[in-house]
Each structure stands twice: as structure tokens, then as C-alpha cells.
């Protein structure tokens, strides 16, 4: 069976781990208990669907819309082998989608639209792996960084090029997920504060929310704990430019309010945000 030639760097392995961790956090923040794949217009493992998708991406009246270049037999063979690999490989879905994206552009089966199609097809593959990714603007972020994207593709040295390409794509995906996690945490913090304000009205109708609302330092720490449950006091101190004693004081206040709790031992445990 055809097998693309590539090597995975230590940075790639780290990115896979970070993406998986952040997706777990995002799933918890969205209270999503379903792994149902959203309805997709194309099957990412079907070569015929790739042809149909190409018709949608380029002008239907354009020469070669939905057809490989000049019906070249070599291209047909390469694409058939690529889909065979895609269907049967046991490679991690993140790597599998990156490699297919890269190889599609490298084979360049269509007169136009190869980059757009490669990015779109990777999104379909990622969505099948983790349905929660369907709502994230992954394609838009890659297009924002198109100059770097094309510079990597123009790099001479095949193995290094593939390695850099995988790292670039995974960094884009991680950034999109981190942005969504941050937005979800901010929304949760705001909602929590509003609930506290509502619940802290005394019997005379006087609002006593001043003590219940989270301070800026508390909000920043909650966001960091939600995004990085295993973060240390030292790193929190560096990020927020507060002393470790100050960080511990804020953490104690948050624990007293029930906003956060410690899971496991102090050394190897993690933080849980109750929002």
C-alpha cells in the first residue's frame, strides 16, 4: 500500500497532546455529551465526492471543474493510492488529515482550487474525528496566515517541508481552539457573576453584589485554570505578575466561594472550575 513519506517532530507530538487536552476542556465548557457527526455534504473518504466538491469550489463553467488535469493517468493513480491510504491508515486523525491536505496540494490534481479544496477536505476529516470542531473558524484562520502557508509549501526539502506544514496546521488548529476556550470561559465567568449579583439581594431589596462579583485578578486566574487545569502556582505568578503569596490568596478566595476546587494531590493534582 502507498504510504506518504514523513517524519513527526517532538513539537508535533506535543501539539497533538495539547489539542486533545483543549478539546476535552472545550467539550466540558460547552456541556456537550454528544459525539454525533453533523450532516456533511461530502464523505471525506470518497474520491468521487472530492470531485463533486471541486465543482462547488470553482466556477462550474471553468475548464476542468470536477475533473483531474487532462484525465492524466498518473494523477488518477496517485489520488487512488492517496484515498486508499486515507481509508486504511491507523495514523492519528490529526496527522492523517494534515498529510492528506499536503499530498493533495503536492499532487495538484486540478487546474485550480487545490489549496482551497485541501483545506476544506481537512476540515471535513477533522469534523468526523471531533464533531465539536465543525463550528470553529479553522479555515478562516489558515487563510489569514496564507502567506506563511504558501511559504512553507514553496520550501525546498521534502521531509522538512512536510514537517513544517504539519506543525503550521496544528498550530492554527490549536490557536482556534484556545480562542474558543477563552471565549467560553469569559462567558461562563460573566454569567456566574450575574447569577451572584441576582442571588445577593437582601430582604429589603438592597443589592449586595460588591462582595460576590469576581475581581479582575480572580477572573484572569479562573480563565487560566479552565484552559490549563494542571498549571502551577509559579506559572500563574509569572503570567499575572503577582507574587506566589498573592496568587495563593486569590486561589483561597475562589475556593471559599466555590468557584474552583483542587482535584488530587497538591503536587500532581489539577484545578476544576465550577462554572
C-alpha atoms as a PDB file:
ATOM      1  CA  UNK A   1       0.000   0.000   0.000  1.00  0.00           C
ATOM      2  CA  UNK A   2       1.132   3.538  -0.790  1.00  0.00           C
ATOM      3  CA  UNK A   3       2.470   5.326   2.285  1.00  0.00           C
ATOM      4  CA  UNK A   4       3.409   9.024   2.242  1.00  0.00           C
ATOM      5  CA  UNK A   5       6.930   9.736   3.439  1.00  0.00           C
ATOM      6  CA  UNK A   6       7.017  11.929   6.529  1.00  0.00           C
ATOM      7  CA  UNK A   7       8.540  12.215   9.985  1.00  0.00           C
ATOM      8  CA  UNK A   8       6.895  13.581  13.115  1.00  0.00           C
ATOM      9  CA  UNK A   9       8.829  16.071  15.217  1.00  0.00           C
ATOM     10  CA  UNK A  10       8.698  16.289  19.006  1.00  0.00           C
ATOM     11  CA  UNK A  11       6.822  19.575  18.591  1.00  0.00           C
ATOM     12  CA  UNK A  12       4.158  17.772  16.550  1.00  0.00           C
ATOM     13  CA  UNK A  13       3.683  15.184  19.311  1.00  0.00           C
ATOM     14  CA  UNK A  14       3.330  17.997  21.864  1.00  0.00           C
ATOM     15  CA  UNK A  15       0.778  19.791  19.668  1.00  0.00           C
ATOM     16  CA  UNK A  16      -1.326  16.635  19.328  1.00  0.00           C
ATOM     17  CA  UNK A  17      -1.389  16.287  23.119  1.00  0.00           C
ATOM     18  CA  UNK A  18      -2.279  19.963  23.669  1.00  0.00           C
ATOM     19  CA  UNK A  19      -5.037  19.908  21.045  1.00  0.00           C
ATOM     20  CA  UNK A  20      -6.575  16.787  22.574  1.00  0.00           C
ATOM     21  CA  UNK A  21      -6.431  18.324  26.067  1.00  0.00           C
ATOM     22  CA  UNK A  22      -8.004  21.610  24.940  1.00  0.00           C
ATOM     23  CA  UNK A  23     -10.753  19.793  23.032  1.00  0.00           C
ATOM     24  CA  UNK A  24     -11.652  17.976  26.252  1.00  0.00           C
ATOM     25  CA  UNK A  25     -11.838  21.295  28.081  1.00  0.00           C
ATOM     26  CA  UNK A  26     -13.925  22.822  25.289  1.00  0.00           C
ATOM     27  CA  UNK A  27     -16.335  19.887  25.364  1.00  0.00           C
ATOM     28  CA  UNK A  28     -16.837  20.335  29.114  1.00  0.00           C
ATOM     29  CA  UNK A  29     -17.350  24.084  28.743  1.00  0.00           C
ATOM     30  CA  UNK A  30     -19.997  23.570  26.071  1.00  0.00           C
ATOM     31  CA  UNK A  31     -21.728  20.868  28.141  1.00  0.00           C
ATOM     32  CA  UNK A  32     -21.616  18.651  25.066  1.00  0.00           C
ATOM     33  CA  UNK A  33     -22.254  14.980  25.742  1.00  0.00           C
ATOM     34  CA  UNK A  34     -22.778  14.036  22.117  1.00  0.00           C
ATOM     35  CA  UNK A  35     -20.267  12.861  19.572  1.00  0.00           C
ATOM     36  CA  UNK A  36     -22.752  12.882  16.691  1.00  0.00           C
ATOM     37  CA  UNK A  37     -21.075  13.908  13.447  1.00  0.00           C
ATOM     38  CA  UNK A  38     -23.004  16.812  11.880  1.00  0.00           C
ATOM     39  CA  UNK A  39     -24.507  16.167   8.487  1.00  0.00           C
ATOM     40  CA  UNK A  40     -21.867  16.802   5.834  1.00  0.00           C
ATOM     41  CA  UNK A  41     -22.400  17.395   2.115  1.00  0.00           C
ATOM     42  CA  UNK A  42     -19.481  15.115   1.230  1.00  0.00           C
ATOM     43  CA  UNK A  43     -17.913  11.918   2.517  1.00  0.00           C
ATOM     44  CA  UNK A  44     -14.223  12.752   3.142  1.00  0.00           C
ATOM     45  CA  UNK A  45     -13.222   9.145   2.363  1.00  0.00           C
ATOM     46  CA  UNK A  46     -14.923   9.094  -1.043  1.00  0.00           C
ATOM     47  CA  UNK A  47     -12.867  10.138  -4.079  1.00  0.00           C
ATOM     48  CA  UNK A  48     -15.982  10.769  -6.162  1.00  0.00           C
ATOM     49  CA  UNK A  49     -17.213  13.201  -3.535  1.00  0.00           C
ATOM     50  CA  UNK A  50     -13.888  15.041  -3.799  1.00  0.00           C
ATOM     51  CA  UNK A  51     -14.594  15.573  -7.498  1.00  0.00           C
ATOM     52  CA  UNK A  52     -18.077  16.871  -6.746  1.00  0.00           C
ATOM     53  CA  UNK A  53     -16.722  19.195  -4.053  1.00  0.00           C
ATOM     54  CA  UNK A  54     -14.260  20.636  -6.562  1.00  0.00           C
ATOM     55  CA  UNK A  55     -17.196  21.557  -8.808  1.00  0.00           C
ATOM     56  CA  UNK A  56     -18.628  23.602  -5.956  1.00  0.00           C
ATOM     57  CA  UNK A  57     -15.357  25.321  -5.141  1.00  0.00           C
ATOM     58  CA  UNK A  58     -14.511  26.535  -8.657  1.00  0.00           C
ATOM     59  CA  UNK A  59     -16.767  28.005 -11.289  1.00  0.00           C
ATOM     60  CA  UNK A  60     -18.835  25.142 -12.696  1.00  0.00           C
ATOM     61  CA  UNK A  61     -18.199  26.541 -16.174  1.00  0.00           C
ATOM     62  CA  UNK A  62     -14.450  26.583 -15.594  1.00  0.00           C
ATOM     63  CA  UNK A  63     -12.391  24.160 -17.646  1.00  0.00           C
ATOM     64  CA  UNK A  64     -11.751  21.029 -15.628  1.00  0.00           C
ATOM     65  CA  UNK A  65     -14.311  21.660 -12.881  1.00  0.00           C
ATOM     66  CA  UNK A  66     -14.713  18.347 -11.089  1.00  0.00           C
ATOM     67  CA  UNK A  67     -12.151  16.597 -13.320  1.00  0.00           C
ATOM     68  CA  UNK A  68      -8.471  15.836 -12.877  1.00  0.00           C
ATOM     69  CA  UNK A  69      -5.997  17.630 -15.134  1.00  0.00           C
ATOM     70  CA  UNK A  70      -6.322  16.244 -18.673  1.00  0.00           C
ATOM     71  CA  UNK A  71      -7.552  12.979 -17.097  1.00  0.00           C
ATOM     72  CA  UNK A  72      -3.861  12.229 -16.511  1.00  0.00           C
ATOM     73  CA  UNK A  73      -3.498   8.533 -15.598  1.00  0.00           C
ATOM     74  CA  UNK A  74      -0.621   9.250 -13.218  1.00  0.00           C
ATOM     75  CA  UNK A  75      -2.756  11.701 -11.289  1.00  0.00           C
ATOM     76  CA  UNK A  76      -5.625   9.227 -11.164  1.00  0.00           C
ATOM     77  CA  UNK A  77      -3.269   6.562  -9.835  1.00  0.00           C
ATOM     78  CA  UNK A  78      -1.738   8.882  -7.215  1.00  0.00           C
ATOM     79  CA  UNK A  79      -5.144  10.054  -5.994  1.00  0.00           C
ATOM     80  CA  UNK A  80      -6.490   6.487  -5.834  1.00  0.00           C
ATOM     81  CA  UNK A  81      -3.484   5.453  -3.733  1.00  0.00           C
ATOM     82  CA  UNK A  82      -3.867   8.518  -1.512  1.00  0.00           C
ATOM     83  CA  UNK A  83      -7.514   7.693  -0.788  1.00  0.00           C
ATOM     84  CA  UNK A  84      -6.598   4.066  -0.179  1.00  0.00           C
ATOM     85  CA  UNK A  85      -4.031   5.205   2.389  1.00  0.00           C
ATOM     86  CA  UNK A  86      -6.512   7.644   3.947  1.00  0.00           C
ATOM     87  CA  UNK A  87      -9.110   4.922   4.378  1.00  0.00           C
ATOM     88  CA  UNK A  88      -6.786   2.261   5.787  1.00  0.00           C
ATOM     89  CA  UNK A  89      -4.102   4.101   7.764  1.00  0.00           C
ATOM     90  CA  UNK A  90      -4.060   3.857  11.551  1.00  0.00           C
ATOM     91  CA  UNK A  91      -2.269   7.211  11.836  1.00  0.00           C
ATOM     92  CA  UNK A  92      -3.669   9.725  14.341  1.00  0.00           C
ATOM     93  CA  UNK A  93      -6.603  11.660  12.785  1.00  0.00           C
ATOM     94  CA  UNK A  94      -4.773  14.972  13.207  1.00  0.00           C
ATOM     95  CA  UNK A  95      -1.769  13.704  11.273  1.00  0.00           C
ATOM     96  CA  UNK A  96      -3.900  11.828   8.755  1.00  0.00           C
ATOM     97  CA  UNK A  97      -5.822  14.993   7.859  1.00  0.00           C
ATOM     98  CA  UNK A  98      -2.624  17.083   7.592  1.00  0.00           C
ATOM     99  CA  UNK A  99      -0.942  14.541   5.337  1.00  0.00           C
ATOM    100  CA  UNK A 100      -3.949  14.287   3.030  1.00  0.00           C
ATOM    101  CA  UNK A 101      -4.108  18.085   2.822  1.00  0.00           C
ATOM    102  CA  UNK A 102      -0.415  18.293   1.970  1.00  0.00           C
ATOM    103  CA  UNK A 103      -0.395  15.429  -0.538  1.00  0.00           C
ATOM    104  CA  UNK A 104      -3.434  16.793  -2.380  1.00  0.00           C
ATOM    105  CA  UNK A 105      -1.621  20.064  -2.957  1.00  0.00           C
ATOM    106  CA  UNK A 106       1.597  18.244  -3.833  1.00  0.00           C
ATOM    107  CA  UNK A 107      -0.144  16.048  -6.436  1.00  0.00           C
ATOM    108  CA  UNK A 108      -2.012  19.108  -7.740  1.00  0.00           C
ATOM    109  CA  UNK A 109      -4.740  17.070  -9.452  1.00  0.00           C
ATOM    110  CA  UNK A 110      -6.870  20.030 -10.596  1.00  0.00           C
ATOM    111  CA  UNK A 111      -6.091  23.052 -12.742  1.00  0.00           C
ATOM    112  CA  UNK A 112      -7.209  25.352  -9.917  1.00  0.00           C
ATOM    113  CA  UNK A 113      -8.636  25.282  -6.414  1.00  0.00           C
ATOM    114  CA  UNK A 114      -6.240  22.684  -4.976  1.00  0.00           C
ATOM    115  CA  UNK A 115      -5.292  24.695  -1.872  1.00  0.00           C
ATOM    116  CA  UNK A 116      -8.882  25.619  -1.098  1.00  0.00           C
ATOM    117  CA  UNK A 117     -10.016  22.024  -1.591  1.00  0.00           C
ATOM    118  CA  UNK A 118      -7.174  20.618   0.535  1.00  0.00           C
ATOM    119  CA  UNK A 119      -8.075  22.899   3.444  1.00  0.00           C
ATOM    120  CA  UNK A 120     -11.792  22.185   3.109  1.00  0.00           C
ATOM    121  CA  UNK A 121     -11.206  18.413   2.957  1.00  0.00           C
ATOM    122  CA  UNK A 122      -9.055  18.520   6.070  1.00  0.00           C
ATOM    123  CA  UNK A 123     -11.904  20.308   7.863  1.00  0.00           C
ATOM    124  CA  UNK A 124     -14.285  17.502   6.871  1.00  0.00           C
ATOM    125  CA  UNK A 125     -11.849  14.893   8.196  1.00  0.00           C
ATOM    126  CA  UNK A 126     -11.353  16.775  11.464  1.00  0.00           C
ATOM    127  CA  UNK A 127     -15.097  17.164  11.947  1.00  0.00           C
ATOM    128  CA  UNK A 128     -15.585  13.413  11.575  1.00  0.00           C
ATOM    129  CA  UNK A 129     -12.950  12.913  14.270  1.00  0.00           C
ATOM    130  CA  UNK A 130     -14.301  15.545  16.686  1.00  0.00           C
ATOM    131  CA  UNK A 131     -17.732  16.965  15.759  1.00  0.00           C
ATOM    132  CA  UNK A 132     -17.195  19.947  18.061  1.00  0.00           C
ATOM    133  CA  UNK A 133     -14.664  21.300  15.533  1.00  0.00           C
ATOM    134  CA  UNK A 134     -17.425  21.887  12.970  1.00  0.00           C
ATOM    135  CA  UNK A 135     -18.310  25.262  14.485  1.00  0.00           C
ATOM    136  CA  UNK A 136     -14.759  26.626  14.749  1.00  0.00           C
ATOM    137  CA  UNK A 137     -13.298  29.012  12.116  1.00  0.00           C
ATOM    138  CA  UNK A 138     -10.281  26.827  11.355  1.00  0.00           C
ATOM    139  CA  UNK A 139     -10.263  27.511   7.603  1.00  0.00           C
ATOM    140  CA  UNK A 140     -10.584  31.258   8.143  1.00  0.00           C
ATOM    141  CA  UNK A 141      -7.533  31.330  10.436  1.00  0.00           C
ATOM    142  CA  UNK A 142      -5.376  29.408   7.959  1.00  0.00           C
ATOM    143  CA  UNK A 143      -6.417  31.833   5.218  1.00  0.00           C
ATOM    144  CA  UNK A 144      -5.426  34.734   7.493  1.00  0.00           C
ATOM    145  CA  UNK A 145      -1.947  33.175   7.580  1.00  0.00           C
ATOM    146  CA  UNK A 146      -1.886  32.317   3.897  1.00  0.00           C
ATOM    147  CA  UNK A 147       1.477  33.972   3.300  1.00  0.00           C
ATOM    148  CA  UNK A 148       3.186  31.625   5.774  1.00  0.00           C
ATOM    149  CA  UNK A 149       1.135  28.697   4.446  1.00  0.00           C
ATOM    150  CA  UNK A 150       2.408  29.241   0.897  1.00  0.00           C
ATOM    151  CA  UNK A 151       5.949  29.962   2.029  1.00  0.00           C
ATOM    152  CA  UNK A 152       6.092  26.542   3.687  1.00  0.00           C
ATOM    153  CA  UNK A 153       4.687  24.850   0.575  1.00  0.00           C
ATOM    154  CA  UNK A 154       7.385  26.533  -1.535  1.00  0.00           C
ATOM    155  CA  UNK A 155      10.178  25.344   0.764  1.00  0.00           C
ATOM    156  CA  UNK A 156      12.820  23.094  -0.828  1.00  0.00           C
ATOM    157  CA  UNK A 157      13.499  19.871   1.044  1.00  0.00           C
ATOM    158  CA  UNK A 158      10.581  17.473   1.114  1.00  0.00           C
ATOM    159  CA  UNK A 159      10.842  15.977   4.618  1.00  0.00           C
ATOM    160  CA  UNK A 160      11.429  19.342   6.276  1.00  0.00           C
ATOM    161  CA  UNK A 161       8.588  20.865   4.250  1.00  0.00           C
ATOM    162  CA  UNK A 162       6.086  18.216   5.357  1.00  0.00           C
ATOM    163  CA  UNK A 163       7.203  18.525   8.981  1.00  0.00           C
ATOM    164  CA  UNK A 164       6.822  22.333   8.931  1.00  0.00           C
ATOM    165  CA  UNK A 165       3.468  22.030   7.191  1.00  0.00           C
ATOM    166  CA  UNK A 166       2.074  19.680   9.848  1.00  0.00           C
ATOM    167  CA  UNK A 167       3.340  21.915  12.648  1.00  0.00           C
ATOM    168  CA  UNK A 168       1.863  25.017  10.976  1.00  0.00           C
ATOM    169  CA  UNK A 169      -1.576  23.442  10.513  1.00  0.00           C
ATOM    170  CA  UNK A 170      -1.666  22.061  14.066  1.00  0.00           C
ATOM    171  CA  UNK A 171      -0.643  25.436  15.489  1.00  0.00           C
ATOM    172  CA  UNK A 172      -3.525  27.050  13.581  1.00  0.00           C
ATOM    173  CA  UNK A 173      -5.958  24.468  14.914  1.00  0.00           C
ATOM    174  CA  UNK A 174      -4.703  24.843  18.490  1.00  0.00           C
ATOM    175  CA  UNK A 175      -4.998  28.642  18.281  1.00  0.00           C
ATOM    176  CA  UNK A 176      -8.604  28.385  17.088  1.00  0.00           C
ATOM    177  CA  UNK A 177      -9.486  26.001  19.933  1.00  0.00           C
ATOM    178  CA  UNK A 178      -7.740  28.179  22.537  1.00  0.00           C
ATOM    179  CA  UNK A 179      -9.679  31.219  21.332  1.00  0.00           C
ATOM    180  CA  UNK A 180     -12.949  29.324  21.679  1.00  0.00           C
ATOM    181  CA  UNK A 181     -11.994  28.045  25.142  1.00  0.00           C
ATOM    182  CA  UNK A 182     -11.166  31.606  26.198  1.00  0.00           C
ATOM    183  CA  UNK A 183     -14.491  32.905  24.878  1.00  0.00           C
ATOM    184  CA  UNK A 184     -16.423  30.133  26.629  1.00  0.00           C
ATOM    185  CA  UNK A 185     -14.632  30.772  29.932  1.00  0.00           C
ATOM    186  CA  UNK A 186     -15.276  34.521  29.708  1.00  0.00           C
ATOM    187  CA  UNK A 187     -18.966  33.866  29.058  1.00  0.00           C
ATOM    188  CA  UNK A 188     -19.130  31.457  31.997  1.00  0.00           C
ATOM    189  CA  UNK A 189     -17.425  33.945  34.321  1.00  0.00           C
ATOM    190  CA  UNK A 190     -19.784  36.739  33.256  1.00  0.00           C
ATOM    191  CA  UNK A 191     -22.837  34.523  33.712  1.00  0.00           C
ATOM    192  CA  UNK A 192     -21.573  33.364  37.101  1.00  0.00           C
ATOM    193  CA  UNK A 193     -21.094  36.952  38.202  1.00  0.00           C
ATOM    194  CA  UNK A 194     -24.598  37.888  37.041  1.00  0.00           C
ATOM    195  CA  UNK A 195     -26.056  34.959  38.982  1.00  0.00           C
ATOM    196  CA  UNK A 196     -24.136  36.021  42.069  1.00  0.00           C
ATOM    197  CA  UNK A 197     -25.456  39.578  41.700  1.00  0.00           C
ATOM    198  CA  UNK A 198     -29.033  38.291  41.397  1.00  0.00           C
ATOM    199  CA  UNK A 199     -28.695  35.938  44.371  1.00  0.00           C
ATOM    200  CA  UNK A 200     -27.154  38.561  46.659  1.00  0.00           C
ATOM    201  CA  UNK A 201     -30.152  40.852  47.109  1.00  0.00           C
ATOM    202  CA  UNK A 202     -31.143  41.115  50.759  1.00  0.00           C
ATOM    203  CA  UNK A 203     -34.655  41.010  52.171  1.00  0.00           C
ATOM    204  CA  UNK A 204     -35.003  44.774  51.790  1.00  0.00           C
ATOM    205  CA  UNK A 205     -34.213  44.581  48.098  1.00  0.00           C
ATOM    206  CA  UNK A 206     -30.712  46.026  48.543  1.00  0.00           C
ATOM    207  CA  UNK A 207     -28.173  44.532  46.150  1.00  0.00           C
ATOM    208  CA  UNK A 208     -25.097  43.180  47.971  1.00  0.00           C
ATOM    209  CA  UNK A 209     -23.187  42.113  44.869  1.00  0.00           C
ATOM    210  CA  UNK A 210     -19.991  44.047  45.557  1.00  0.00           C
ATOM    211  CA  UNK A 211     -18.505  41.163  47.513  1.00  0.00           C
ATOM    212  CA  UNK A 212     -19.918  38.486  45.232  1.00  0.00           C
ATOM    213  CA  UNK A 213     -18.516  39.713  41.907  1.00  0.00           C
ATOM    214  CA  UNK A 214     -15.151  38.422  40.791  1.00  0.00           C
ATOM    215  CA  UNK A 215     -12.241  40.832  40.736  1.00  0.00           C
ATOM    216  CA  UNK A 216     -10.094  41.207  37.620  1.00  0.00           C
ATOM    217  CA  UNK A 217      -7.374  39.077  39.194  1.00  0.00           C
ATOM    218  CA  UNK A 218      -9.904  36.394  40.079  1.00  0.00           C
ATOM    219  CA  UNK A 219     -11.347  36.406  36.560  1.00  0.00           C
ATOM    220  CA  UNK A 220      -7.889  36.106  34.984  1.00  0.00           C
ATOM    221  CA  UNK A 221      -6.940  33.213  37.256  1.00  0.00           C
ATOM    222  CA  UNK A 222     -10.228  31.402  36.565  1.00  0.00           C
ATOM    223  CA  UNK A 223      -9.627  31.698  32.801  1.00  0.00           C
ATOM    224  CA  UNK A 224      -6.111  30.296  33.141  1.00  0.00           C
ATOM    225  CA  UNK A 225      -7.239  27.422  35.351  1.00  0.00           C
ATOM    226  CA  UNK A 226     -10.014  26.492  32.930  1.00  0.00           C
ATOM    227  CA  UNK A 227      -7.615  26.496  29.977  1.00  0.00           C
ATOM    228  CA  UNK A 228      -4.747  24.787  31.840  1.00  0.00           C
ATOM    229  CA  UNK A 229      -6.047  22.696  34.778  1.00  0.00           C
ATOM    230  CA  UNK A 230      -2.520  21.495  35.625  1.00  0.00           C
ATOM    231  CA  UNK A 231      -0.971  24.973  35.684  1.00  0.00           C
ATOM    232  CA  UNK A 232       1.376  25.620  38.626  1.00  0.00           C
ATOM    233  CA  UNK A 233       1.423  28.477  41.135  1.00  0.00           C
ATOM    234  CA  UNK A 234       4.781  29.550  39.705  1.00  0.00           C
ATOM    235  CA  UNK A 235       3.440  29.868  36.161  1.00  0.00           C
ATOM    236  CA  UNK A 236       0.339  31.711  37.406  1.00  0.00           C
ATOM    237  CA  UNK A 237       2.658  34.110  39.214  1.00  0.00           C
ATOM    238  CA  UNK A 238       4.656  34.739  36.021  1.00  0.00           C
ATOM    239  CA  UNK A 239       1.574  35.143  33.816  1.00  0.00           C
ATOM    240  CA  UNK A 240      -0.205  37.566  36.138  1.00  0.00           C
ATOM    241  CA  UNK A 241       2.919  39.267  37.507  1.00  0.00           C
ATOM    242  CA  UNK A 242       1.784  38.669  41.080  1.00  0.00           C
ATOM    243  CA  UNK A 243       3.711  37.127  43.948  1.00  0.00           C
ATOM    244  CA  UNK A 244       3.090  33.480  44.714  1.00  0.00           C
ATOM    245  CA  UNK A 245       1.669  34.576  48.074  1.00  0.00           C
ATOM    246  CA  UNK A 246      -0.757  36.835  46.233  1.00  0.00           C
ATOM    247  CA  UNK A 247      -1.759  34.018  43.882  1.00  0.00           C
ATOM    248  CA  UNK A 248      -2.392  31.687  46.831  1.00  0.00           C
ATOM    249  CA  UNK A 249      -4.549  34.353  48.473  1.00  0.00           C
ATOM    250  CA  UNK A 250      -6.704  34.744  45.357  1.00  0.00           C
ATOM    251  CA  UNK A 251      -6.971  30.961  44.975  1.00  0.00           C
ATOM    252  CA  UNK A 252      -8.079  30.618  48.587  1.00  0.00           C
ATOM    253  CA  UNK A 253     -10.796  33.211  47.990  1.00  0.00           C
ATOM    254  CA  UNK A 254     -12.020  31.440  44.864  1.00  0.00           C
ATOM    255  CA  UNK A 255     -12.111  28.102  46.666  1.00  0.00           C
ATOM    256  CA  UNK A 256     -14.092  29.662  49.510  1.00  0.00           C
ATOM    257  CA  UNK A 257     -16.647  30.978  47.001  1.00  0.00           C
ATOM    258  CA  UNK A 258     -16.888  27.533  45.401  1.00  0.00           C
ATOM    259  CA  UNK A 259     -15.666  28.839  42.056  1.00  0.00           C
ATOM    260  CA  UNK A 260     -12.724  26.427  41.956  1.00  0.00           C
ATOM    261  CA  UNK A 261     -11.597  23.286  43.700  1.00  0.00           C
ATOM    262  CA  UNK A 262      -8.458  21.190  43.816  1.00  0.00           C
ATOM    263  CA  UNK A 263      -8.681  17.656  42.450  1.00  0.00           C
ATOM    264  CA  UNK A 264      -5.984  15.261  43.639  1.00  0.00           C
ATOM    265  CA  UNK A 265      -2.768  15.974  45.487  1.00  0.00           C
ATOM    266  CA  UNK A 266      -1.161  19.412  45.612  1.00  0.00           C
ATOM    267  CA  UNK A 267       1.831  18.176  43.643  1.00  0.00           C
ATOM    268  CA  UNK A 268       0.224  16.114  40.878  1.00  0.00           C
ATOM    269  CA  UNK A 269      -3.407  17.238  41.022  1.00  0.00           C
ATOM    270  CA  UNK A 270      -5.354  19.673  38.875  1.00  0.00           C
ATOM    271  CA  UNK A 271      -7.813  22.530  39.176  1.00  0.00           C
ATOM    272  CA  UNK A 272     -11.530  22.242  38.477  1.00  0.00           C
ATOM    273  CA  UNK A 273     -13.548  25.347  37.609  1.00  0.00           C
ATOM    274  CA  UNK A 274     -17.174  25.113  38.764  1.00  0.00           C
ATOM    275  CA  UNK A 275     -18.836  27.396  36.249  1.00  0.00           C
END
